[in-house]
N, C-alpha and C. Protein backbone atom coordinates (compact mmCIF):
# COMPACT_ATOMS: atom_id res chain seq x y z
N UNK A 1 0.84 -1.20 0.00
CA UNK A 1 0.00 0.00 0.00
C UNK A 1 0.87 1.24 0.00
N UNK A 2 1.94 1.23 0.82
CA UNK A 2 2.84 2.38 0.89
C UNK A 2 3.54 2.60 -0.44
N UNK A 3 4.00 1.49 -1.06
CA UNK A 3 4.69 1.61 -2.35
C UNK A 3 3.76 2.16 -3.41
N UNK A 4 2.50 1.71 -3.37
CA UNK A 4 1.53 2.20 -4.34
C UNK A 4 1.33 3.70 -4.16
N UNK A 5 1.17 4.14 -2.90
CA UNK A 5 0.96 5.56 -2.63
C UNK A 5 2.16 6.39 -3.07
N UNK A 6 3.36 5.85 -2.81
CA UNK A 6 4.58 6.55 -3.19
C UNK A 6 4.69 6.69 -4.70
N UNK A 7 4.33 5.62 -5.41
CA UNK A 7 4.40 5.65 -6.87
C UNK A 7 3.42 6.67 -7.44
N UNK A 8 2.21 6.68 -6.90
CA UNK A 8 1.19 7.62 -7.38
C UNK A 8 1.60 9.06 -7.06
N UNK A 9 2.17 9.27 -5.85
CA UNK A 9 2.61 10.61 -5.45
C UNK A 9 3.71 11.11 -6.38
N UNK A 10 4.64 10.22 -6.72
CA UNK A 10 5.74 10.60 -7.62
C UNK A 10 5.20 11.02 -8.98
N UNK A 11 4.24 10.25 -9.47
CA UNK A 11 3.66 10.57 -10.77
C UNK A 11 2.90 11.90 -10.73
N UNK A 12 2.23 12.16 -9.61
CA UNK A 12 1.51 13.42 -9.47
C UNK A 12 2.47 14.60 -9.45
N UNK A 13 3.61 14.42 -8.78
CA UNK A 13 4.61 15.49 -8.73
C UNK A 13 5.16 15.79 -10.12
N UNK A 14 5.43 14.72 -10.86
CA UNK A 14 5.92 14.89 -12.23
C UNK A 14 4.88 15.61 -13.08
N UNK A 15 3.63 15.21 -12.89
CA UNK A 15 2.53 15.80 -13.65
C UNK A 15 2.39 17.28 -13.35
N UNK A 16 2.46 17.62 -12.04
CA UNK A 16 2.27 19.02 -11.66
C UNK A 16 3.45 19.89 -12.09
N UNK A 17 4.67 19.33 -12.06
CA UNK A 17 5.84 20.11 -12.43
C UNK A 17 5.86 20.44 -13.91
N UNK A 18 5.23 19.59 -14.69
CA UNK A 18 5.22 19.81 -16.15
C UNK A 18 3.98 20.56 -16.62
N UNK A 19 3.08 20.84 -15.71
CA UNK A 19 1.77 21.39 -16.08
C UNK A 19 1.88 22.71 -16.83
N UNK A 20 2.73 23.61 -16.33
CA UNK A 20 2.79 24.96 -16.90
C UNK A 20 3.36 24.97 -18.31
N UNK A 21 4.27 24.04 -18.59
CA UNK A 21 4.98 24.06 -19.86
C UNK A 21 4.33 23.20 -20.93
N UNK A 22 3.18 22.65 -20.65
CA UNK A 22 2.56 21.73 -21.59
C UNK A 22 1.33 22.35 -22.24
N UNK A 23 1.13 21.98 -23.51
CA UNK A 23 -0.07 22.40 -24.21
C UNK A 23 -1.22 21.51 -23.76
N UNK A 24 -2.47 21.88 -24.05
CA UNK A 24 -3.60 21.03 -23.67
C UNK A 24 -3.47 19.61 -24.21
N UNK A 25 -2.96 19.49 -25.46
CA UNK A 25 -2.80 18.15 -26.03
C UNK A 25 -1.76 17.34 -25.25
N UNK A 26 -0.67 18.03 -24.87
CA UNK A 26 0.37 17.35 -24.10
C UNK A 26 -0.16 16.91 -22.74
N UNK A 27 -0.96 17.79 -22.14
CA UNK A 27 -1.50 17.47 -20.82
C UNK A 27 -2.44 16.26 -20.89
N UNK A 28 -3.21 16.19 -21.95
CA UNK A 28 -4.11 15.04 -22.13
C UNK A 28 -3.31 13.76 -22.25
N UNK A 29 -2.23 13.84 -23.07
CA UNK A 29 -1.39 12.65 -23.24
C UNK A 29 -0.72 12.27 -21.92
N UNK A 30 -0.31 13.29 -21.17
CA UNK A 30 0.35 13.04 -19.89
C UNK A 30 -0.62 12.39 -18.90
N UNK A 31 -1.85 12.89 -18.90
CA UNK A 31 -2.87 12.31 -18.02
C UNK A 31 -3.16 10.86 -18.42
N UNK A 32 -3.25 10.63 -19.73
CA UNK A 32 -3.50 9.27 -20.21
C UNK A 32 -2.37 8.33 -19.82
N UNK A 33 -1.14 8.84 -19.92
CA UNK A 33 0.02 8.03 -19.55
C UNK A 33 -0.01 7.71 -18.05
N UNK A 34 -0.40 8.72 -17.28
CA UNK A 34 -0.50 8.53 -15.83
C UNK A 34 -1.54 7.45 -15.50
N UNK A 35 -2.71 7.56 -16.15
CA UNK A 35 -3.76 6.57 -15.93
C UNK A 35 -3.30 5.18 -16.34
N UNK A 36 -2.55 5.11 -17.45
CA UNK A 36 -2.06 3.83 -17.93
C UNK A 36 -1.08 3.20 -16.95
N UNK A 37 -0.21 4.05 -16.37
CA UNK A 37 0.77 3.54 -15.40
C UNK A 37 0.08 3.04 -14.14
N UNK A 38 -0.92 3.78 -13.69
CA UNK A 38 -1.67 3.35 -12.51
C UNK A 38 -2.40 2.04 -12.79
N UNK A 39 -3.00 1.95 -13.99
CA UNK A 39 -3.71 0.74 -14.38
C UNK A 39 -2.77 -0.45 -14.46
N UNK A 40 -1.57 -0.21 -15.01
CA UNK A 40 -0.57 -1.27 -15.11
C UNK A 40 -0.14 -1.74 -13.73
N UNK A 41 0.02 -0.78 -12.82
CA UNK A 41 0.40 -1.12 -11.45
C UNK A 41 -0.67 -1.98 -10.79
N UNK A 42 -1.93 -1.58 -10.97
CA UNK A 42 -3.04 -2.32 -10.38
C UNK A 42 -3.11 -3.74 -10.95
N UNK A 43 -2.86 -3.85 -12.26
CA UNK A 43 -2.90 -5.16 -12.91
C UNK A 43 -1.82 -6.08 -12.35
N UNK A 44 -0.61 -5.54 -12.20
CA UNK A 44 0.49 -6.34 -11.66
C UNK A 44 0.21 -6.74 -10.22
N UNK A 45 -0.41 -5.82 -9.47
CA UNK A 45 -0.73 -6.12 -8.08
C UNK A 45 -1.75 -7.26 -8.00
N UNK A 46 -2.75 -7.22 -8.89
CA UNK A 46 -3.77 -8.27 -8.90
C UNK A 46 -3.16 -9.63 -9.24
N UNK A 47 -2.23 -9.64 -10.20
CA UNK A 47 -1.56 -10.89 -10.58
C UNK A 47 -0.76 -11.43 -9.40
N UNK A 48 -0.04 -10.53 -8.72
CA UNK A 48 0.77 -10.95 -7.56
C UNK A 48 -0.12 -11.50 -6.45
N UNK A 49 -1.23 -10.80 -6.19
CA UNK A 49 -2.15 -11.25 -5.15
C UNK A 49 -2.75 -12.61 -5.49
N UNK A 50 -3.04 -12.80 -6.78
CA UNK A 50 -3.63 -14.07 -7.22
C UNK A 50 -2.64 -15.22 -7.00
N UNK A 51 -1.36 -14.96 -7.32
CA UNK A 51 -0.34 -15.99 -7.14
C UNK A 51 -0.17 -16.33 -5.66
N UNK A 52 -0.20 -15.30 -4.82
CA UNK A 52 -0.08 -15.54 -3.37
C UNK A 52 -1.27 -16.36 -2.88
N UNK A 53 -2.47 -16.00 -3.34
CA UNK A 53 -3.68 -16.72 -2.92
C UNK A 53 -3.63 -18.18 -3.36
N UNK A 54 -3.18 -18.40 -4.61
CA UNK A 54 -3.07 -19.77 -5.11
C UNK A 54 -2.06 -20.57 -4.29
N UNK A 55 -0.96 -19.92 -3.94
CA UNK A 55 0.06 -20.59 -3.14
C UNK A 55 -0.48 -20.96 -1.76
N UNK A 56 -1.23 -20.05 -1.15
CA UNK A 56 -1.81 -20.31 0.16
C UNK A 56 -2.84 -21.44 0.09
N UNK A 57 -3.62 -21.45 -0.99
CA UNK A 57 -4.62 -22.52 -1.16
C UNK A 57 -3.94 -23.88 -1.30
N UNK A 58 -2.84 -23.91 -2.06
CA UNK A 58 -2.11 -25.17 -2.24
C UNK A 58 -1.54 -25.65 -0.91
N UNK A 59 -0.94 -24.72 -0.16
CA UNK A 59 -0.40 -25.09 1.15
C UNK A 59 -1.50 -25.56 2.09
N UNK A 60 -2.65 -24.89 2.00
CA UNK A 60 -3.78 -25.28 2.84
C UNK A 60 -4.27 -26.67 2.52
N UNK A 61 -4.31 -27.00 1.23
CA UNK A 61 -4.75 -28.34 0.81
C UNK A 61 -3.79 -29.41 1.32
N UNK A 62 -2.49 -29.13 1.23
CA UNK A 62 -1.49 -30.08 1.71
C UNK A 62 -1.59 -30.24 3.22
N UNK A 63 -1.81 -29.13 3.91
CA UNK A 63 -1.92 -29.18 5.37
C UNK A 63 -3.11 -30.02 5.80
N UNK A 64 -4.24 -29.85 5.10
CA UNK A 64 -5.43 -30.64 5.42
C UNK A 64 -5.18 -32.13 5.17
N UNK A 65 -4.48 -32.42 4.07
CA UNK A 65 -4.18 -33.82 3.76
C UNK A 65 -3.28 -34.43 4.83
N UNK A 66 -2.33 -33.65 5.32
CA UNK A 66 -1.43 -34.15 6.36
C UNK A 66 -2.18 -34.38 7.67
N UNK A 67 -3.13 -33.50 7.97
CA UNK A 67 -3.94 -33.68 9.18
C UNK A 67 -4.75 -34.97 9.08
N UNK A 68 -5.30 -35.23 7.90
CA UNK A 68 -6.04 -36.47 7.69
C UNK A 68 -5.12 -37.68 7.85
N UNK A 69 -3.91 -37.55 7.29
CA UNK A 69 -2.95 -38.66 7.39
C UNK A 69 -2.58 -38.94 8.84
N UNK A 70 -2.41 -37.88 9.62
CA UNK A 70 -2.06 -38.06 11.04
C UNK A 70 -3.20 -38.73 11.80
N UNK A 71 -4.42 -38.43 11.41
CA UNK A 71 -5.57 -39.04 12.08
C UNK A 71 -5.74 -40.51 11.71
N UNK A 72 -5.33 -40.86 10.49
CA UNK A 72 -5.56 -42.22 10.00
C UNK A 72 -4.35 -43.14 10.16
N UNK A 73 -3.16 -42.57 10.21
CA UNK A 73 -1.93 -43.38 10.26
C UNK A 73 -1.16 -43.05 11.54
N UNK A 74 -1.24 -43.93 12.52
CA UNK A 74 -0.60 -43.68 13.82
C UNK A 74 0.92 -43.60 13.70
N UNK A 75 1.49 -44.44 12.84
CA UNK A 75 2.94 -44.43 12.67
C UNK A 75 3.41 -43.10 12.09
N UNK A 76 2.68 -42.64 11.07
CA UNK A 76 3.02 -41.35 10.47
C UNK A 76 2.83 -40.23 11.49
N UNK A 77 1.76 -40.31 12.26
CA UNK A 77 1.48 -39.28 13.26
C UNK A 77 2.62 -39.18 14.27
N UNK A 78 3.17 -40.34 14.68
CA UNK A 78 4.27 -40.34 15.66
C UNK A 78 5.53 -39.74 15.05
N UNK A 79 5.90 -40.24 13.86
CA UNK A 79 7.13 -39.77 13.21
C UNK A 79 7.03 -38.28 12.90
N UNK A 80 5.89 -37.87 12.38
CA UNK A 80 5.72 -36.46 12.02
C UNK A 80 5.67 -35.58 13.26
N UNK A 81 5.06 -36.10 14.32
CA UNK A 81 5.01 -35.35 15.57
C UNK A 81 6.41 -35.15 16.15
N UNK A 82 7.24 -36.19 16.08
CA UNK A 82 8.63 -36.08 16.55
C UNK A 82 9.39 -35.06 15.71
N UNK A 83 9.15 -35.08 14.39
CA UNK A 83 9.82 -34.13 13.51
C UNK A 83 9.43 -32.69 13.86
N UNK A 84 8.16 -32.46 14.09
CA UNK A 84 7.71 -31.10 14.41
C UNK A 84 8.37 -30.58 15.68
N UNK A 85 8.55 -31.47 16.65
CA UNK A 85 9.20 -31.08 17.91
C UNK A 85 10.66 -30.72 17.69
N UNK A 86 11.39 -31.60 17.00
CA UNK A 86 12.82 -31.36 16.81
C UNK A 86 13.06 -30.19 15.86
N UNK A 87 12.17 -30.02 14.88
CA UNK A 87 12.28 -28.89 13.97
C UNK A 87 12.12 -27.57 14.73
N UNK A 88 11.20 -27.56 15.67
CA UNK A 88 11.00 -26.36 16.49
C UNK A 88 12.23 -26.08 17.33
N UNK A 89 12.85 -27.13 17.86
CA UNK A 89 14.07 -26.95 18.66
C UNK A 89 15.21 -26.39 17.82
N UNK A 90 15.31 -26.86 16.58
CA UNK A 90 16.35 -26.35 15.67
C UNK A 90 16.12 -24.87 15.39
N UNK A 91 14.88 -24.52 15.10
CA UNK A 91 14.55 -23.12 14.82
C UNK A 91 14.85 -22.23 16.03
N UNK A 92 14.50 -22.71 17.22
CA UNK A 92 14.75 -21.93 18.43
C UNK A 92 16.25 -21.77 18.69
N UNK A 93 17.01 -22.85 18.44
CA UNK A 93 18.45 -22.80 18.66
C UNK A 93 19.12 -21.84 17.68
N UNK A 94 18.68 -21.87 16.44
CA UNK A 94 19.21 -20.94 15.44
C UNK A 94 18.93 -19.49 15.82
N UNK A 95 17.72 -19.25 16.29
CA UNK A 95 17.35 -17.89 16.70
C UNK A 95 18.18 -17.44 17.90
N UNK A 96 18.34 -18.35 18.86
CA UNK A 96 19.14 -18.02 20.04
C UNK A 96 20.58 -17.70 19.66
N UNK A 97 21.13 -18.47 18.72
CA UNK A 97 22.50 -18.27 18.25
C UNK A 97 22.64 -16.91 17.57
N UNK A 98 21.72 -16.59 16.66
CA UNK A 98 21.79 -15.31 15.95
C UNK A 98 21.58 -14.13 16.90
N UNK A 99 20.67 -14.29 17.85
CA UNK A 99 20.43 -13.22 18.83
C UNK A 99 21.67 -12.95 19.68
N UNK A 100 22.33 -14.03 20.10
CA UNK A 100 23.54 -13.88 20.92
C UNK A 100 24.67 -13.23 20.13
N UNK A 101 24.80 -13.60 18.86
CA UNK A 101 25.83 -12.98 18.01
C UNK A 101 25.60 -11.47 17.90
N UNK A 102 24.35 -11.11 17.67
CA UNK A 102 24.01 -9.69 17.56
C UNK A 102 24.26 -8.96 18.88
N UNK A 103 23.86 -9.60 19.96
CA UNK A 103 24.04 -9.00 21.28
C UNK A 103 25.53 -8.77 21.58
N UNK A 104 26.35 -9.78 21.28
CA UNK A 104 27.80 -9.67 21.54
C UNK A 104 28.42 -8.58 20.68
N UNK A 105 28.05 -8.55 19.41
CA UNK A 105 28.59 -7.54 18.50
C UNK A 105 28.23 -6.13 18.96
N UNK A 106 26.98 -5.94 19.33
CA UNK A 106 26.53 -4.63 19.80
C UNK A 106 27.23 -4.22 21.09
N UNK A 107 27.44 -5.21 21.97
CA UNK A 107 28.08 -4.92 23.25
C UNK A 107 29.54 -4.53 23.06
N UNK A 108 30.26 -5.25 22.21
CA UNK A 108 31.65 -4.90 21.94
C UNK A 108 31.75 -3.49 21.33
N UNK A 109 30.86 -3.21 20.41
CA UNK A 109 30.86 -1.88 19.77
C UNK A 109 30.62 -0.78 20.79
N UNK A 110 29.64 -1.01 21.66
CA UNK A 110 29.30 -0.01 22.68
C UNK A 110 30.46 0.20 23.65
N UNK A 111 31.10 -0.90 24.08
CA UNK A 111 32.21 -0.79 25.03
C UNK A 111 33.41 -0.07 24.40
N UNK A 112 33.69 -0.42 23.14
CA UNK A 112 34.83 0.21 22.46
C UNK A 112 34.57 1.70 22.23
N UNK A 113 33.35 2.02 21.85
CA UNK A 113 33.01 3.43 21.61
C UNK A 113 33.15 4.25 22.89
N UNK A 114 32.63 3.71 23.97
CA UNK A 114 32.69 4.45 25.24
C UNK A 114 34.12 4.53 25.76
N UNK A 115 34.87 3.45 25.59
CA UNK A 115 36.26 3.45 26.06
C UNK A 115 37.10 4.45 25.27
N UNK A 116 36.89 4.50 23.97
CA UNK A 116 37.64 5.44 23.13
C UNK A 116 37.30 6.90 23.42
N UNK A 117 36.19 7.12 24.09
CA UNK A 117 35.80 8.49 24.42
C UNK A 117 36.44 8.98 25.72
N UNK A 118 37.12 8.06 26.42
CA UNK A 118 37.76 8.45 27.68
C UNK A 118 38.94 9.38 27.42
N UNK A 119 39.08 10.37 28.26
CA UNK A 119 40.19 11.32 28.11
C UNK A 119 41.47 10.80 28.75
N UNK A 120 41.31 9.92 29.74
CA UNK A 120 42.49 9.37 30.42
C UNK A 120 43.08 8.25 29.57
N UNK A 121 44.27 8.47 29.06
CA UNK A 121 44.89 7.51 28.14
C UNK A 121 45.17 6.17 28.80
N UNK A 122 45.61 6.21 30.04
CA UNK A 122 45.95 4.97 30.74
C UNK A 122 44.71 4.09 30.91
N UNK A 123 43.64 4.70 31.37
CA UNK A 123 42.39 3.95 31.54
C UNK A 123 41.89 3.43 30.19
N UNK A 124 42.01 4.28 29.17
CA UNK A 124 41.54 3.90 27.84
C UNK A 124 42.31 2.68 27.33
N UNK A 125 43.64 2.72 27.45
CA UNK A 125 44.46 1.61 26.96
C UNK A 125 44.23 0.33 27.75
N UNK A 126 44.05 0.48 29.05
CA UNK A 126 43.81 -0.69 29.90
C UNK A 126 42.50 -1.38 29.53
N UNK A 127 41.48 -0.55 29.36
CA UNK A 127 40.16 -1.11 29.02
C UNK A 127 40.14 -1.70 27.61
N UNK A 128 40.79 -1.03 26.66
CA UNK A 128 40.83 -1.56 25.30
C UNK A 128 41.55 -2.90 25.25
N UNK A 129 42.61 -3.01 26.06
CA UNK A 129 43.35 -4.27 26.13
C UNK A 129 42.45 -5.38 26.69
N UNK A 130 41.69 -5.03 27.73
CA UNK A 130 40.78 -6.01 28.33
C UNK A 130 39.67 -6.40 27.35
N UNK A 131 39.18 -5.42 26.62
CA UNK A 131 38.13 -5.69 25.63
C UNK A 131 38.66 -6.62 24.54
N UNK A 132 39.87 -6.35 24.05
CA UNK A 132 40.46 -7.19 23.01
C UNK A 132 40.69 -8.62 23.50
N UNK A 133 41.07 -8.73 24.77
CA UNK A 133 41.27 -10.06 25.36
C UNK A 133 39.94 -10.82 25.40
N UNK A 134 38.90 -10.11 25.83
CA UNK A 134 37.57 -10.73 25.90
C UNK A 134 37.08 -11.09 24.49
N UNK A 135 37.39 -10.22 23.53
CA UNK A 135 36.95 -10.47 22.15
C UNK A 135 37.67 -11.69 21.57
N UNK A 136 38.95 -11.83 21.88
CA UNK A 136 39.71 -12.99 21.40
C UNK A 136 39.12 -14.29 21.93
N UNK A 137 38.82 -14.28 23.22
CA UNK A 137 38.22 -15.47 23.84
C UNK A 137 36.85 -15.75 23.24
N UNK A 138 36.08 -14.69 23.04
CA UNK A 138 34.74 -14.84 22.46
C UNK A 138 34.81 -15.38 21.04
N UNK A 139 35.77 -14.89 20.25
CA UNK A 139 35.89 -15.32 18.86
C UNK A 139 36.19 -16.81 18.75
N UNK A 140 36.96 -17.33 19.70
CA UNK A 140 37.25 -18.78 19.72
C UNK A 140 35.95 -19.55 19.97
N UNK A 141 35.20 -19.08 20.96
CA UNK A 141 33.92 -19.73 21.27
C UNK A 141 32.95 -19.61 20.10
N UNK A 142 32.93 -18.42 19.50
CA UNK A 142 32.04 -18.18 18.36
C UNK A 142 32.39 -19.10 17.20
N UNK A 143 33.68 -19.27 16.95
CA UNK A 143 34.13 -20.13 15.86
C UNK A 143 33.67 -21.57 16.06
N UNK A 144 33.84 -22.07 17.28
CA UNK A 144 33.42 -23.44 17.59
C UNK A 144 31.91 -23.60 17.48
N UNK A 145 31.20 -22.60 18.01
CA UNK A 145 29.73 -22.66 17.96
C UNK A 145 29.23 -22.55 16.52
N UNK A 146 29.86 -21.68 15.74
CA UNK A 146 29.46 -21.51 14.34
C UNK A 146 29.65 -22.79 13.55
N UNK A 147 30.74 -23.49 13.84
CA UNK A 147 31.00 -24.76 13.16
C UNK A 147 29.92 -25.78 13.51
N UNK A 148 29.57 -25.82 14.80
CA UNK A 148 28.53 -26.76 15.24
C UNK A 148 27.18 -26.41 14.62
N UNK A 149 26.87 -25.12 14.60
CA UNK A 149 25.60 -24.67 14.01
C UNK A 149 25.57 -24.97 12.51
N UNK A 150 26.72 -24.82 11.85
CA UNK A 150 26.81 -25.12 10.43
C UNK A 150 26.48 -26.58 10.14
N UNK A 151 27.02 -27.48 10.97
CA UNK A 151 26.73 -28.91 10.82
C UNK A 151 25.25 -29.18 11.06
N UNK A 152 24.71 -28.52 12.08
CA UNK A 152 23.29 -28.69 12.40
C UNK A 152 22.41 -28.24 11.23
N UNK A 153 22.77 -27.12 10.64
CA UNK A 153 21.96 -26.58 9.53
C UNK A 153 22.02 -27.49 8.30
N UNK A 154 23.18 -28.07 8.04
CA UNK A 154 23.29 -28.99 6.91
C UNK A 154 22.40 -30.22 7.13
N UNK A 155 22.47 -30.75 8.35
CA UNK A 155 21.65 -31.92 8.66
C UNK A 155 20.17 -31.56 8.63
N UNK A 156 19.85 -30.38 9.12
CA UNK A 156 18.46 -29.94 9.13
C UNK A 156 17.93 -29.77 7.70
N UNK A 157 18.78 -29.26 6.82
CA UNK A 157 18.39 -29.11 5.42
C UNK A 157 18.06 -30.46 4.79
N UNK A 158 18.91 -31.45 5.07
CA UNK A 158 18.64 -32.80 4.56
C UNK A 158 17.35 -33.36 5.15
N UNK A 159 17.16 -33.10 6.44
CA UNK A 159 15.95 -33.59 7.12
C UNK A 159 14.70 -32.96 6.53
N UNK A 160 14.78 -31.67 6.21
CA UNK A 160 13.63 -30.97 5.63
C UNK A 160 13.25 -31.61 4.29
N UNK A 161 14.25 -31.95 3.48
CA UNK A 161 13.98 -32.59 2.20
C UNK A 161 13.28 -33.94 2.39
N UNK A 162 13.79 -34.71 3.36
CA UNK A 162 13.20 -36.02 3.63
C UNK A 162 11.76 -35.88 4.10
N UNK A 163 11.53 -34.92 4.99
CA UNK A 163 10.19 -34.73 5.54
C UNK A 163 9.23 -34.21 4.46
N UNK A 164 9.73 -33.34 3.58
CA UNK A 164 8.89 -32.87 2.48
C UNK A 164 8.43 -34.03 1.61
N UNK A 165 9.37 -34.94 1.34
CA UNK A 165 9.03 -36.12 0.54
C UNK A 165 8.01 -36.98 1.29
N UNK A 166 8.22 -37.12 2.60
CA UNK A 166 7.28 -37.89 3.42
C UNK A 166 5.90 -37.26 3.41
N UNK A 167 5.85 -35.94 3.46
CA UNK A 167 4.56 -35.24 3.44
C UNK A 167 3.79 -35.55 2.16
N UNK A 168 4.51 -35.50 1.04
CA UNK A 168 3.85 -35.78 -0.24
C UNK A 168 3.37 -37.23 -0.29
N UNK A 169 4.23 -38.15 0.20
CA UNK A 169 3.85 -39.56 0.20
C UNK A 169 2.62 -39.79 1.07
N UNK A 170 2.58 -39.12 2.21
CA UNK A 170 1.43 -39.26 3.10
C UNK A 170 0.18 -38.64 2.48
N UNK A 171 0.37 -37.49 1.82
CA UNK A 171 -0.77 -36.82 1.19
C UNK A 171 -1.34 -37.65 0.05
N UNK A 172 -0.47 -38.42 -0.63
CA UNK A 172 -0.94 -39.27 -1.74
C UNK A 172 -1.97 -40.29 -1.25
N UNK A 173 -1.79 -40.73 -0.01
CA UNK A 173 -2.74 -41.71 0.53
C UNK A 173 -4.15 -41.14 0.65
N UNK A 174 -4.23 -39.81 0.75
CA UNK A 174 -5.55 -39.20 0.88
C UNK A 174 -6.38 -39.38 -0.39
N UNK A 175 -5.70 -39.70 -1.51
CA UNK A 175 -6.45 -39.90 -2.75
C UNK A 175 -7.28 -41.17 -2.73
N UNK A 176 -6.95 -42.11 -1.85
CA UNK A 176 -7.81 -43.28 -1.69
C UNK A 176 -9.19 -42.83 -1.23
N UNK A 177 -9.19 -41.91 -0.27
CA UNK A 177 -10.45 -41.38 0.24
C UNK A 177 -11.14 -40.52 -0.82
N UNK A 178 -10.34 -39.68 -1.50
CA UNK A 178 -10.92 -38.81 -2.54
C UNK A 178 -11.52 -39.64 -3.66
N UNK A 179 -10.79 -40.68 -4.10
CA UNK A 179 -11.30 -41.54 -5.16
C UNK A 179 -12.59 -42.24 -4.73
N UNK A 180 -12.63 -42.66 -3.47
CA UNK A 180 -13.83 -43.31 -2.96
C UNK A 180 -15.02 -42.37 -2.97
N UNK A 181 -14.78 -41.13 -2.58
CA UNK A 181 -15.86 -40.14 -2.58
C UNK A 181 -16.30 -39.81 -4.00
N UNK A 182 -15.33 -39.74 -4.91
CA UNK A 182 -15.68 -39.50 -6.32
C UNK A 182 -16.54 -40.64 -6.87
N UNK A 183 -16.18 -41.87 -6.52
CA UNK A 183 -16.94 -43.04 -6.98
C UNK A 183 -18.36 -42.99 -6.43
N UNK A 184 -18.48 -42.54 -5.18
CA UNK A 184 -19.80 -42.41 -4.57
C UNK A 184 -20.65 -41.40 -5.33
N UNK A 185 -20.02 -40.29 -5.75
CA UNK A 185 -20.74 -39.29 -6.54
C UNK A 185 -21.19 -39.88 -7.87
N UNK A 186 -20.26 -40.62 -8.51
CA UNK A 186 -20.58 -41.24 -9.79
C UNK A 186 -21.77 -42.20 -9.66
N UNK A 187 -21.78 -42.98 -8.57
CA UNK A 187 -22.84 -43.96 -8.36
C UNK A 187 -24.20 -43.30 -8.15
N UNK A 188 -24.18 -42.08 -7.63
CA UNK A 188 -25.44 -41.39 -7.34
C UNK A 188 -25.98 -40.59 -8.52
N UNK A 189 -25.15 -40.42 -9.55
CA UNK A 189 -25.54 -39.56 -10.67
C UNK A 189 -26.78 -40.09 -11.38
N UNK A 190 -26.81 -41.40 -11.69
CA UNK A 190 -27.94 -41.97 -12.45
C UNK A 190 -29.27 -41.75 -11.73
N UNK A 191 -29.28 -42.04 -10.43
CA UNK A 191 -30.51 -41.88 -9.66
C UNK A 191 -30.97 -40.43 -9.63
N UNK A 192 -30.01 -39.52 -9.45
CA UNK A 192 -30.37 -38.10 -9.40
C UNK A 192 -30.84 -37.61 -10.76
N UNK A 193 -30.23 -38.14 -11.83
CA UNK A 193 -30.66 -37.75 -13.18
C UNK A 193 -32.09 -38.21 -13.45
N UNK A 194 -32.43 -39.40 -12.97
CA UNK A 194 -33.80 -39.88 -13.15
C UNK A 194 -34.79 -38.96 -12.43
N UNK A 195 -34.43 -38.59 -11.20
CA UNK A 195 -35.29 -37.68 -10.45
C UNK A 195 -35.39 -36.32 -11.14
N UNK A 196 -34.26 -35.90 -11.71
CA UNK A 196 -34.23 -34.61 -12.41
C UNK A 196 -35.12 -34.65 -13.65
N UNK A 197 -35.07 -35.76 -14.38
CA UNK A 197 -35.90 -35.90 -15.58
C UNK A 197 -37.39 -35.86 -15.22
N UNK A 198 -37.73 -36.53 -14.13
CA UNK A 198 -39.12 -36.52 -13.67
C UNK A 198 -39.54 -35.09 -13.32
N UNK A 199 -38.64 -34.38 -12.63
CA UNK A 199 -38.95 -33.00 -12.24
C UNK A 199 -39.14 -32.12 -13.47
N UNK A 200 -38.31 -32.35 -14.50
CA UNK A 200 -38.42 -31.56 -15.73
C UNK A 200 -39.76 -31.83 -16.42
N UNK A 201 -40.12 -33.13 -16.53
CA UNK A 201 -41.38 -33.50 -17.19
C UNK A 201 -42.57 -32.90 -16.45
N UNK A 202 -42.57 -33.05 -15.13
CA UNK A 202 -43.68 -32.53 -14.33
C UNK A 202 -43.76 -31.00 -14.42
N UNK A 203 -42.59 -30.36 -14.44
CA UNK A 203 -42.57 -28.90 -14.54
C UNK A 203 -43.13 -28.44 -15.88
N UNK A 204 -42.76 -29.15 -16.95
CA UNK A 204 -43.27 -28.80 -18.28
C UNK A 204 -44.79 -28.97 -18.34
N UNK A 205 -45.27 -30.08 -17.78
CA UNK A 205 -46.72 -30.33 -17.78
C UNK A 205 -47.46 -29.22 -17.03
N UNK A 206 -46.91 -28.86 -15.86
CA UNK A 206 -47.55 -27.83 -15.07
C UNK A 206 -47.49 -26.48 -15.77
N UNK A 207 -46.36 -26.21 -16.43
CA UNK A 207 -46.20 -24.96 -17.17
C UNK A 207 -47.24 -24.87 -18.29
N UNK A 208 -47.38 -25.97 -19.05
CA UNK A 208 -48.34 -25.98 -20.16
C UNK A 208 -49.76 -25.82 -19.65
N UNK A 209 -50.03 -26.43 -18.49
CA UNK A 209 -51.36 -26.30 -17.89
C UNK A 209 -51.65 -24.86 -17.51
N UNK A 210 -50.63 -24.21 -16.91
CA UNK A 210 -50.81 -22.82 -16.49
C UNK A 210 -51.01 -21.90 -17.70
N UNK A 211 -50.23 -22.16 -18.75
CA UNK A 211 -50.35 -21.35 -19.96
C UNK A 211 -51.74 -21.52 -20.58
N UNK A 212 -52.22 -22.78 -20.59
CA UNK A 212 -53.55 -23.06 -21.14
C UNK A 212 -54.63 -22.33 -20.34
N UNK A 213 -54.49 -22.37 -19.02
CA UNK A 213 -55.46 -21.70 -18.16
C UNK A 213 -55.46 -20.20 -18.40
N UNK A 214 -54.26 -19.64 -18.60
CA UNK A 214 -54.17 -18.20 -18.87
C UNK A 214 -54.82 -17.85 -20.20
N UNK A 215 -54.71 -18.78 -21.18
CA UNK A 215 -55.30 -18.53 -22.49
C UNK A 215 -56.81 -18.59 -22.46
N UNK A 216 -57.35 -19.37 -21.53
CA UNK A 216 -58.80 -19.51 -21.44
C UNK A 216 -59.45 -18.38 -20.67
N UNK A 217 -58.64 -17.59 -19.94
CA UNK A 217 -59.22 -16.49 -19.14
C UNK A 217 -59.67 -15.34 -20.03
């Protein structure tokens, strides 16, 4: 919404800045161009929104299929439940790691900035030395932790691929139910068509009767 408003505002500014120097014909063309650009923007926005909606619908369909699979397949429900738990732990650990890195970086920056602002050279040098010592120790810990996190992320990536494949395999089983329901619809079509034909015949008879009665009035 903000981008749209900004784009329209920019176009209005361009339009107003050129207003004095343009002939009526030029102004008409400029207005038409402005309308065309706005229309093009709206069209692109609608396409983007449609793609997002389709993506959400697809994800929703898969989610529903997985819920059905968990209800019908106890083994899948257990394995998938375990995956959801460990996946959450991985996500939390990654977040904790990134938050700590940011916190440490900000803290070192703040300490160095404040220390460098000291007028007493001796205190400044002493504190900077202590900060550098702490940073060296931290960097060793960070390096080891980063290596461990890197291994975890690689394994997690592989696990995500496996689970995605499992999700599709589990969702495929839902087609047994879908096919069964489709067959049920097919089996009911003939009976409903017979009822429909009777309704059509009776409706025509009643219609003709009503028309005849109207003609006799």
